[in-house]
């Protein structure tokens, strides 16, 4: 890895444009080989507070006009493209995601930066018809949107570039400054992105990076009173703890899920099949919208299950550096062991294995189960692994009720050619997104993205995040 002018590699702590050593270190492992990829500095409490102070000072002393934010983010999108190969290799190494998944991550990051750049030029309030009230004809009223200040971004391992960008880029587009804490599994990609933003012209104090475990570094960030907004993606349990810790300060929380997709009797199975395979097994199923429950109508379930089995067993599994691999290693051997244990537990309880189920180290074969029961952990808890359970159904209403019966509500896909059914599903499903003729894992970076129930609140997507990361202020002017 390259060294910076300060002489400390980007495996350090970034504060006000300078890389610092930390209070101890931790190793980042290459997920496929298990070898040490890098040794990363762990931030101290003093460094966490120093990073927040740098962000606060930069916010107050170096505010950026909207067009300048546009220029910086546009330039950053170009630089990401120029460093594509480096980013792909870093993502594959520290996350275990395949080359193809990593390439998609880079492409989406470029889009997210471009969209955020454009949105920086379009931040506006609205006119308020105050003169419509009795005795107020002499007054003019309008709202403006102003940046909140220091934004804290806490990001997960399963999208080490684009999810980071979805928090940082809108925050900067809105005129805020940022302190970033990436997942300890995948801090290296985030460090490259910070380098790119500074190279693109961002004042150094506008982006700061601290590394360390969530239970420690995250707790220190939550306790710092100068942070005005928290953007978090992670588990529901940690999200709830963060929300309680920060009190009245605003948060956007993208949390857990048991995502489902429905395949109706009139669905185009040839269209649905590759989308279900990709949504279930890409990134080794470690996506909050990965298909975990697959509801298939009784009349097509046998045919669809066999088609899905054939497609799954034909997929290449293992080496993420191989361009043909669909499913690489999970984030750790421990997580793969946990998922394998859940599958074995389901089989002991009466579920049947269609394919997969075998584990070698951190690689769990893409797994399909049938005959599952609602109380099995593969059905009622987020497995976050390449495992799907096929659930036959006779009544569409029953499938919808089953999905609504979970505590989560992030996204659902519905494959059908019946417009009435599609519209009914959109109204009845208690989730943040309903995708007709796509899976639960369908996402375009410019769209609003949010959960319901225990899947969190607050919207992502640059335009929508900017609304979250700015405050609306009313201005009235009286004619005297």
Protein backbone atom coordinates (compact mmCIF):
# COMPACT_ATOMS: atom_id res chain seq x y z
CA UNK A 1 0.00 0.00 0.00
CA UNK A 2 1.22 3.47 -0.78
CA UNK A 3 2.50 5.85 1.85
CA UNK A 4 1.28 9.40 2.33
CA UNK A 5 3.29 12.57 2.79
CA UNK A 6 3.16 12.11 6.54
CA UNK A 7 5.06 8.85 6.20
CA UNK A 8 2.23 6.82 7.75
CA UNK A 9 0.44 4.39 5.47
CA UNK A 10 -3.26 4.74 4.86
CA UNK A 11 -3.70 2.01 7.44
CA UNK A 12 -3.57 4.79 10.02
CA UNK A 13 -6.13 7.18 11.44
CA UNK A 14 -7.02 10.12 9.15
CA UNK A 15 -7.50 13.40 11.01
CA UNK A 16 -7.52 16.79 9.29
CA UNK A 17 -5.74 15.39 6.25
CA UNK A 18 -2.93 13.64 8.13
CA UNK A 19 -2.48 9.93 8.81
CA UNK A 20 -1.63 9.08 12.40
CA UNK A 21 -0.60 5.99 14.29
CA UNK A 22 -3.20 4.68 16.69
CA UNK A 23 -3.52 3.27 20.16
CA UNK A 24 -2.61 -0.25 19.15
CA UNK A 25 -3.44 -2.10 15.94
CA UNK A 26 -5.58 -4.88 14.52
CA UNK A 27 -5.10 -7.13 11.52
CA UNK A 28 -7.23 -7.12 8.41
CA UNK A 29 -7.36 -10.61 6.94
CA UNK A 30 -7.63 -11.65 3.32
CA UNK A 31 -10.92 -13.49 3.49
CA UNK A 32 -10.13 -16.20 0.93
CA UNK A 33 -6.66 -17.25 2.11
CA UNK A 34 -6.87 -16.21 5.76
CA UNK A 35 -3.54 -14.41 5.50
CA UNK A 36 -2.90 -10.98 7.02
CA UNK A 37 -3.63 -8.34 4.40
CA UNK A 38 -2.73 -5.29 6.49
CA UNK A 39 -2.25 -4.10 10.04
CA UNK A 40 -4.47 -1.12 10.81
CA UNK A 41 -4.21 1.52 13.52
CA UNK A 42 -6.88 1.49 16.20
CA UNK A 43 -8.08 4.92 17.28
CA UNK A 44 -7.85 6.08 20.87
CA UNK A 45 -10.58 8.06 22.61
CA UNK A 46 -8.43 11.17 22.22
CA UNK A 47 -8.14 10.57 18.47
CA UNK A 48 -11.87 10.06 18.08
CA UNK A 49 -12.54 13.38 19.78
CA UNK A 50 -9.73 15.01 17.81
CA UNK A 51 -11.32 13.82 14.56
CA UNK A 52 -14.68 15.27 15.58
CA UNK A 53 -13.00 18.56 16.54
CA UNK A 54 -11.26 18.69 13.16
CA UNK A 55 -14.56 18.12 11.38
CA UNK A 56 -16.30 20.78 13.48
CA UNK A 57 -13.52 23.28 12.88
CA UNK A 58 -13.52 22.62 9.14
CA UNK A 59 -17.30 23.00 9.01
CA UNK A 60 -17.10 26.40 10.70
CA UNK A 61 -13.97 27.76 9.04
CA UNK A 62 -14.01 26.24 5.55
CA UNK A 63 -17.61 26.10 4.34
CA UNK A 64 -18.00 25.09 0.71
CA UNK A 65 -20.41 26.71 -1.70
CA UNK A 66 -22.77 24.29 -3.46
CA UNK A 67 -21.04 24.55 -6.82
CA UNK A 68 -17.68 23.80 -5.23
CA UNK A 69 -19.19 20.69 -3.61
CA UNK A 70 -20.41 19.68 -7.07
CA UNK A 71 -16.92 20.12 -8.54
CA UNK A 72 -15.24 18.08 -5.81
CA UNK A 73 -17.68 15.19 -5.93
CA UNK A 74 -17.62 15.13 -9.74
CA UNK A 75 -13.85 15.02 -9.69
CA UNK A 76 -13.94 12.24 -7.09
CA UNK A 77 -16.18 10.13 -9.35
CA UNK A 78 -13.57 10.40 -12.12
CA UNK A 79 -10.75 9.48 -9.75
CA UNK A 80 -12.63 6.40 -8.55
CA UNK A 81 -12.81 5.29 -12.17
CA UNK A 82 -9.10 5.86 -12.62
CA UNK A 83 -8.32 3.75 -9.56
CA UNK A 84 -10.83 1.05 -10.45
CA UNK A 85 -8.41 -1.87 -10.48
CA UNK A 86 -6.86 -0.94 -7.15
CA UNK A 87 -10.29 -0.62 -5.57
CA UNK A 88 -11.52 -3.93 -7.02
CA UNK A 89 -8.48 -5.80 -5.73
CA UNK A 90 -8.80 -4.19 -2.30
CA UNK A 91 -12.50 -5.04 -2.02
CA UNK A 92 -11.92 -8.66 -3.07
CA UNK A 93 -9.05 -9.02 -0.61
CA UNK A 94 -10.65 -7.59 2.51
CA UNK A 95 -14.27 -8.63 1.95
CA UNK A 96 -13.94 -11.90 0.03
CA UNK A 97 -16.47 -10.68 -2.52
CA UNK A 98 -15.93 -11.81 -6.08
CA UNK A 99 -14.24 -9.75 -8.77
CA UNK A 100 -17.60 -9.23 -10.45
CA UNK A 101 -19.27 -8.09 -7.22
CA UNK A 102 -16.36 -5.75 -6.51
CA UNK A 103 -16.55 -4.28 -10.01
CA UNK A 104 -20.27 -3.59 -9.53
CA UNK A 105 -19.44 -1.92 -6.22
CA UNK A 106 -16.97 0.43 -7.96
CA UNK A 107 -19.39 1.23 -10.79
CA UNK A 108 -22.14 2.04 -8.33
CA UNK A 109 -19.80 4.21 -6.27
CA UNK A 110 -19.06 6.27 -9.39
CA UNK A 111 -22.79 6.73 -9.92
CA UNK A 112 -23.43 7.64 -6.29
CA UNK A 113 -20.73 10.32 -6.40
CA UNK A 114 -22.08 11.72 -9.68
CA UNK A 115 -25.66 11.82 -8.42
CA UNK A 116 -24.57 13.46 -5.14
CA UNK A 117 -22.58 16.06 -7.10
CA UNK A 118 -25.64 17.00 -9.13
CA UNK A 119 -27.88 17.09 -6.06
CA UNK A 120 -25.45 19.54 -4.40
CA UNK A 121 -26.63 22.13 -6.94
CA UNK A 122 -30.33 21.50 -6.32
CA UNK A 123 -30.76 21.92 -2.57
CA UNK A 124 -33.72 24.22 -2.04
CA UNK A 125 -36.58 25.02 0.27
CA UNK A 126 -40.09 26.05 -0.69
CA UNK A 127 -42.42 29.00 -0.58
CA UNK A 128 -44.91 29.05 2.29
CA UNK A 129 -48.26 30.79 1.49
CA UNK A 130 -48.26 32.78 4.70
CA UNK A 131 -50.31 35.55 3.10
CA UNK A 132 -53.19 33.09 2.95
CA UNK A 133 -53.68 33.50 6.71
CA UNK A 134 -55.80 36.35 8.10
CA UNK A 135 -53.84 39.55 8.57
CA UNK A 136 -50.63 38.17 6.98
CA UNK A 137 -50.82 39.71 3.50
CA UNK A 138 -47.82 41.91 4.29
CA UNK A 139 -45.55 38.92 4.92
CA UNK A 140 -43.47 36.67 2.72
CA UNK A 141 -42.36 33.23 3.95
CA UNK A 142 -40.06 30.56 2.61
CA UNK A 143 -37.87 27.75 3.86
CA UNK A 144 -34.18 27.10 3.31
CA UNK A 145 -32.18 23.97 3.97
CA UNK A 146 -28.96 24.31 5.94
CA UNK A 147 -26.29 21.70 6.74
CA UNK A 148 -26.43 20.12 10.18
CA UNK A 149 -22.69 20.16 10.93
CA UNK A 150 -20.63 17.08 11.78
CA UNK A 151 -22.04 13.83 10.40
CA UNK A 152 -20.89 10.48 11.78
CA UNK A 153 -20.99 7.61 9.29
CA UNK A 154 -20.74 4.06 10.65
CA UNK A 155 -20.64 1.53 7.84
CA UNK A 156 -20.78 -2.29 7.38
CA UNK A 157 -18.45 -4.79 5.75
CA UNK A 158 -20.88 -5.96 3.10
CA UNK A 159 -20.60 -2.85 0.93
CA UNK A 160 -17.20 -1.41 1.82
CA UNK A 161 -17.23 1.21 -0.93
CA UNK A 162 -20.73 2.08 -2.10
CA UNK A 163 -22.51 2.11 1.27
CA UNK A 164 -19.70 4.29 2.59
CA UNK A 165 -20.22 6.58 -0.40
CA UNK A 166 -23.99 6.65 0.17
CA UNK A 167 -23.34 8.22 3.56
CA UNK A 168 -20.30 10.40 2.86
CA UNK A 169 -21.21 11.86 -0.54
CA UNK A 170 -24.69 13.20 0.36
CA UNK A 171 -23.32 14.54 3.66
CA UNK A 172 -20.65 16.49 1.79
CA UNK A 173 -23.09 17.53 -0.95
CA UNK A 174 -25.29 19.04 1.76
CA UNK A 175 -22.37 21.07 3.16
CA UNK A 176 -21.60 18.95 6.21
CA UNK A 177 -18.30 17.49 7.37
CA UNK A 178 -17.79 13.82 8.19
CA UNK A 179 -16.20 11.44 10.66
CA UNK A 180 -16.22 7.93 9.22
CA UNK A 181 -15.90 4.65 11.10
CA UNK A 182 -15.82 1.77 8.62
CA UNK A 183 -16.27 -1.87 9.57
CA UNK A 184 -13.13 -3.36 11.10
CA UNK A 185 -13.35 -6.22 8.60
CA UNK A 186 -13.04 -3.80 5.64
CA UNK A 187 -11.31 -0.50 6.50
CA UNK A 188 -8.89 -0.35 3.57
CA UNK A 189 -11.38 0.48 0.83
CA UNK A 190 -12.81 3.32 2.91
CA UNK A 191 -9.31 4.75 3.37
CA UNK A 192 -8.77 4.84 -0.39
CA UNK A 193 -12.07 6.69 -0.83
CA UNK A 194 -10.97 9.28 1.73
CA UNK A 195 -7.71 9.74 -0.18
CA UNK A 196 -9.66 10.23 -3.39
CA UNK A 197 -11.93 12.88 -1.88
CA UNK A 198 -8.98 14.90 -0.59
CA UNK A 199 -7.21 14.55 -3.94
CA UNK A 200 -10.40 15.81 -5.59
CA UNK A 201 -10.12 19.04 -3.60
CA UNK A 202 -12.06 18.40 -0.41
CA UNK A 203 -10.62 20.40 2.50
CA UNK A 204 -8.80 17.83 4.66
CA UNK A 205 -10.88 18.41 7.79
CA UNK A 206 -14.08 17.72 5.89
CA UNK A 207 -13.37 13.98 5.92
CA UNK A 208 -11.86 12.13 8.87
CA UNK A 209 -11.50 8.39 9.43
CA UNK A 210 -11.21 6.46 12.70
CA UNK A 211 -10.85 2.70 12.98
CA UNK A 212 -11.77 0.38 15.79
CA UNK A 213 -14.46 -1.97 17.13
CA UNK A 214 -18.01 -0.73 17.27
CA UNK A 215 -18.34 -1.51 20.97
CA UNK A 216 -15.50 0.89 21.71
CA UNK A 217 -14.96 3.37 18.87
CA UNK A 218 -18.65 3.48 18.04
CA UNK A 219 -19.54 4.07 21.68
CA UNK A 220 -17.07 6.98 21.85
CA UNK A 221 -18.56 8.52 18.72
CA UNK A 222 -22.08 8.18 20.14
CA UNK A 223 -20.97 9.99 23.30
CA UNK A 224 -19.40 12.96 21.52
CA UNK A 225 -21.86 15.87 21.83
CA UNK A 226 -20.56 17.75 18.78
CA UNK A 227 -21.82 15.17 16.28
CA UNK A 228 -25.17 16.33 14.92
CA UNK A 229 -26.31 13.33 12.86
CA UNK A 230 -25.54 9.60 12.72
CA UNK A 231 -25.83 7.54 9.53
CA UNK A 232 -25.60 3.86 10.44
CA UNK A 233 -25.94 0.57 8.60
CA UNK A 234 -25.71 -2.63 10.63
CA UNK A 235 -27.64 -4.96 12.87
CA UNK A 236 -30.93 -4.03 14.47
CA UNK A 237 -29.55 -4.61 17.98
CA UNK A 238 -26.62 -2.24 17.47
CA UNK A 239 -28.82 0.30 15.70
CA UNK A 240 -31.23 0.38 18.62
CA UNK A 241 -28.33 0.84 21.06
CA UNK A 242 -26.92 3.70 19.00
CA UNK A 243 -30.31 5.38 18.74
CA UNK A 244 -30.75 5.24 22.51
CA UNK A 245 -27.21 6.47 23.15
CA UNK A 246 -27.44 9.64 21.01
CA UNK A 247 -30.64 10.92 22.58
CA UNK A 248 -32.47 13.64 20.65
CA UNK A 249 -29.87 13.89 17.90
CA UNK A 250 -31.02 12.72 14.49
CA UNK A 251 -30.17 9.29 13.07
CA UNK A 252 -30.71 7.33 9.87
CA UNK A 253 -30.64 3.60 10.56
CA UNK A 254 -30.55 0.86 7.92
CA UNK A 255 -30.85 -2.32 9.95
CA UNK A 256 -31.60 -6.03 9.75
CA UNK A 257 -33.95 -7.89 7.47
CA UNK A 258 -35.43 -11.23 6.53
CA UNK A 259 -35.98 -10.34 2.90
CA UNK A 260 -38.49 -12.26 0.82
CA UNK A 261 -39.48 -12.62 -2.80
CA UNK A 262 -42.74 -14.02 -4.15
CA UNK A 263 -42.97 -16.01 -7.40
CA UNK A 264 -46.59 -16.13 -8.55
CA UNK A 265 -48.21 -18.76 -10.77
CA UNK A 266 -48.24 -16.35 -13.75
CA UNK A 267 -44.62 -15.24 -13.32
CA UNK A 268 -42.14 -15.44 -16.17
CA UNK A 269 -39.88 -18.06 -14.59
CA UNK A 270 -37.08 -17.60 -17.12
CA UNK A 271 -36.98 -13.91 -16.13
CA UNK A 272 -37.25 -14.57 -12.40
CA UNK A 273 -34.73 -17.42 -12.15
CA UNK A 274 -31.38 -15.63 -12.78
CA UNK A 275 -32.49 -12.72 -10.64
CA UNK A 276 -33.33 -15.01 -7.73
CA UNK A 277 -29.99 -16.81 -8.02
CA UNK A 278 -28.01 -13.57 -8.04
CA UNK A 279 -30.05 -12.00 -5.23
CA UNK A 280 -29.62 -15.08 -3.05
CA UNK A 281 -25.95 -15.93 -3.54
CA UNK A 282 -24.00 -12.84 -4.61
CA UNK A 283 -21.71 -11.53 -1.89
CA UNK A 284 -22.23 -14.95 -0.27
CA UNK A 285 -25.75 -13.88 0.69
CA UNK A 286 -24.37 -11.18 2.98
CA UNK A 287 -26.70 -8.41 1.85
CA UNK A 288 -29.59 -7.17 3.95
CA UNK A 289 -31.93 -7.52 0.96
CA UNK A 290 -30.63 -10.96 -0.12
CA UNK A 291 -33.49 -13.38 -0.71
CA UNK A 292 -33.84 -15.51 2.41
CA UNK A 293 -37.47 -16.57 2.02
CA UNK A 294 -38.64 -17.49 -1.47
CA UNK A 295 -42.42 -17.94 -1.69
CA UNK A 296 -43.38 -19.93 -4.79
CA UNK A 297 -46.95 -20.75 -5.84
CA UNK A 298 -47.98 -24.41 -5.47
CA UNK A 299 -48.61 -24.78 -9.20
CA UNK A 300 -45.04 -23.89 -10.21
CA UNK A 301 -43.00 -24.70 -7.11
CA UNK A 302 -41.69 -28.09 -8.29
CA UNK A 303 -40.66 -26.76 -11.68
CA UNK A 304 -39.11 -23.60 -10.29
CA UNK A 305 -37.26 -25.46 -7.53
CA UNK A 306 -35.65 -27.80 -10.06
CA UNK A 307 -34.71 -24.89 -12.33
CA UNK A 308 -33.22 -23.07 -9.37
CA UNK A 309 -31.31 -26.17 -8.26
CA UNK A 310 -29.81 -26.69 -11.72
CA UNK A 311 -28.72 -23.05 -11.95
CA UNK A 312 -27.28 -23.10 -8.43
CA UNK A 313 -25.23 -26.29 -8.67
CA UNK A 314 -23.81 -25.10 -12.00
CA UNK A 315 -22.52 -21.89 -10.40
CA UNK A 316 -18.82 -21.58 -9.60
CA UNK A 317 -18.04 -21.33 -5.88
CA UNK A 318 -14.78 -20.51 -4.09
CA UNK A 319 -11.95 -18.32 -5.37
CA UNK A 320 -13.25 -14.73 -5.48
CA UNK A 321 -10.41 -13.70 -7.80
CA UNK A 322 -11.82 -15.99 -10.50
CA UNK A 323 -14.03 -13.89 -12.78
CA UNK A 324 -16.52 -16.77 -13.14
CA UNK A 325 -17.13 -17.26 -9.41
CA UNK A 326 -20.62 -16.45 -8.15
CA UNK A 327 -20.16 -17.13 -4.43
CA UNK A 328 -16.90 -16.56 -2.59
CA UNK A 329 -16.05 -16.86 1.10
CA UNK A 330 -18.13 -15.38 3.88
CA UNK A 331 -16.63 -12.62 5.97
CA UNK A 332 -15.18 -15.10 8.50
CA UNK A 333 -14.97 -18.78 9.27
CA UNK A 334 -17.04 -18.21 12.39
CA UNK A 335 -19.93 -16.74 10.41
CA UNK A 336 -19.79 -19.63 7.94
CA UNK A 337 -19.87 -22.11 10.84
CA UNK A 338 -22.89 -20.34 12.33
CA UNK A 339 -24.82 -20.47 9.06
CA UNK A 340 -23.89 -24.13 8.55
CA UNK A 341 -25.17 -24.90 12.06
CA UNK A 342 -28.50 -23.20 11.28
CA UNK A 343 -28.87 -25.29 8.13
CA UNK A 344 -28.06 -28.51 10.02
CA UNK A 345 -30.53 -27.56 12.74
CA UNK A 346 -33.27 -27.04 10.13
CA UNK A 347 -32.55 -30.42 8.53
CA UNK A 348 -32.74 -32.14 11.91
CA UNK A 349 -36.09 -30.43 12.37
CA UNK A 350 -37.49 -31.85 9.14
CA UNK A 351 -36.33 -29.47 6.41
CA UNK A 352 -34.92 -31.07 3.25
CA UNK A 353 -31.77 -30.07 1.43
CA UNK A 354 -32.21 -29.37 -2.28
CA UNK A 355 -28.54 -28.58 -2.81
CA UNK A 356 -25.51 -27.13 -1.04
CA UNK A 357 -25.09 -27.18 2.72
CA UNK A 358 -21.40 -28.09 2.73
CA UNK A 359 -18.76 -25.80 4.20
CA UNK A 360 -15.02 -25.60 3.68
CA UNK A 361 -13.40 -22.99 5.91
CA UNK A 362 -15.25 -19.72 5.33
CA UNK A 363 -16.88 -20.94 2.10
CA UNK A 364 -20.44 -22.21 2.43
CA UNK A 365 -21.95 -23.70 -0.68
CA UNK A 366 -25.08 -21.93 -2.00
CA UNK A 367 -27.84 -23.75 -0.15
CA UNK A 368 -31.51 -24.31 -0.94
CA UNK A 369 -33.93 -25.72 1.65
CA UNK A 370 -37.54 -26.87 1.36
CA UNK A 371 -39.93 -28.20 3.97
CA UNK A 372 -38.92 -25.48 6.43
CA UNK A 373 -41.04 -24.45 9.39
CA UNK A 374 -41.74 -20.86 10.51
CA UNK A 375 -39.98 -21.32 13.86
CA UNK A 376 -36.69 -22.49 12.34
CA UNK A 377 -33.87 -19.96 12.57
CA UNK A 378 -33.33 -20.11 8.81
CA UNK A 379 -36.84 -18.63 8.59
CA UNK A 380 -37.29 -16.38 11.60
CA UNK A 381 -33.81 -14.84 12.01
CA UNK A 382 -31.57 -13.07 9.53
CA UNK A 383 -29.11 -15.69 8.31
CA UNK A 384 -26.87 -13.35 6.28
CA UNK A 385 -25.43 -16.25 4.29
CA UNK A 386 -25.96 -17.98 0.91
CA UNK A 387 -29.01 -19.88 2.15
CA UNK A 388 -32.60 -19.64 0.90
CA UNK A 389 -35.76 -21.41 2.02
CA UNK A 390 -38.43 -22.15 -0.56
CA UNK A 391 -41.96 -21.88 0.86
CA UNK A 392 -44.85 -23.12 -1.30
CA UNK A 393 -48.09 -21.13 -1.03
CA UNK A 394 -51.60 -21.41 -2.35
CA UNK A 395 -53.05 -18.02 -1.43
CA UNK A 396 -51.22 -14.82 -2.30
CA UNK A 397 -52.72 -13.22 0.80
CA UNK A 398 -51.12 -15.94 2.94
CA UNK A 399 -47.70 -15.20 1.44
CA UNK A 400 -48.11 -11.48 2.13
CA UNK A 401 -49.27 -12.14 5.69
CA UNK A 402 -46.27 -14.39 6.31
CA UNK A 403 -43.87 -11.70 5.12
CA UNK A 404 -45.63 -9.05 7.20
CA UNK A 405 -45.42 -11.37 10.20
CA UNK A 406 -41.68 -10.81 10.66
CA UNK A 407 -40.41 -7.89 12.78
CA UNK A 408 -38.53 -6.58 9.75
CA UNK A 409 -39.61 -4.65 6.68
CA UNK A 410 -36.84 -3.66 4.29
CA UNK A 411 -37.80 -4.89 0.81
CA UNK A 412 -39.82 -7.52 -1.04
CA UNK A 413 -39.85 -8.67 -4.65
CA UNK A 414 -42.95 -9.95 -6.46
CA UNK A 415 -42.84 -11.72 -9.82
CA UNK A 416 -46.25 -11.50 -11.48
CA UNK A 417 -47.95 -10.31 -14.67
CA UNK A 418 -51.17 -9.44 -12.82
CA UNK A 419 -51.28 -5.66 -12.41
CA UNK A 420 -54.05 -5.77 -9.81
CA UNK A 421 -52.06 -8.21 -7.70
CA UNK A 422 -48.93 -6.08 -8.07
CA UNK A 423 -50.70 -2.94 -6.89
CA UNK A 424 -52.31 -4.81 -4.02
CA UNK A 425 -48.91 -6.10 -2.93
CA UNK A 426 -47.46 -2.60 -3.05
CA UNK A 427 -50.13 -1.40 -0.63
CA UNK A 428 -50.28 -4.42 1.66
CA UNK A 429 -46.62 -5.34 2.14
CA UNK A 430 -45.26 -3.51 5.19
CA UNK A 431 -41.79 -2.90 3.79
CA UNK A 432 -39.78 0.06 2.59
CA UNK A 433 -39.61 -1.09 -1.06
CA UNK A 434 -41.75 -3.36 -3.22
CA UNK A 435 -40.17 -4.44 -6.50
CA UNK A 436 -42.49 -5.89 -9.14
CA UNK A 437 -40.79 -8.41 -11.42
CA UNK A 438 -37.53 -7.92 -9.55
CA UNK A 439 -36.24 -9.48 -6.33
CA UNK A 440 -36.05 -7.93 -2.89
CA UNK A 441 -32.42 -7.08 -3.66
CA UNK A 442 -33.17 -4.68 -6.49
CA UNK A 443 -31.64 -1.27 -5.89
CA UNK A 444 -30.72 1.71 -8.06
CA UNK A 445 -28.54 4.29 -6.37
CA UNK A 446 -30.70 7.33 -7.13
CA UNK A 447 -33.88 5.86 -5.64
CA UNK A 448 -35.10 6.32 -2.05
CA UNK A 449 -34.07 3.39 0.11
CA UNK A 450 -35.45 2.84 3.59
CA UNK A 451 -36.87 0.23 5.90
CA UNK A 452 -39.95 -0.19 8.07
CA UNK A 453 -40.41 -1.70 11.52
CA UNK A 454 -37.16 -3.15 12.90
CA UNK A 455 -35.40 -2.59 9.59
CA UNK A 456 -34.87 1.02 10.59
CA UNK A 457 -35.83 4.49 9.43
CA UNK A 458 -34.39 7.40 7.51
CA UNK A 459 -33.87 7.30 3.76
CA UNK A 460 -30.80 6.73 1.64
CA UNK A 461 -30.32 7.73 -2.01
CA UNK A 462 -28.44 11.03 -2.48
CA UNK A 463 -31.43 13.34 -2.90
CA UNK A 464 -33.22 11.76 0.05
CA UNK A 465 -30.16 11.57 2.30
CA UNK A 466 -29.54 15.26 1.72
CA UNK A 467 -33.01 15.96 3.07
CA UNK A 468 -32.11 13.93 6.18
CA UNK A 469 -28.71 15.62 6.56
CA UNK A 470 -29.99 19.19 6.34
CA UNK A 471 -32.28 21.17 8.60
CA UNK A 472 -35.29 23.04 7.29
CA UNK A 473 -35.39 26.64 8.45
CA UNK A 474 -38.32 29.00 8.05
CA UNK A 475 -37.67 32.62 7.02
CA UNK A 476 -40.36 35.30 7.10
CA UNK A 477 -40.10 38.87 5.84
CA UNK A 478 -42.59 41.55 6.77
CA UNK A 479 -43.19 44.61 4.56
CA UNK A 480 -43.06 47.70 6.80
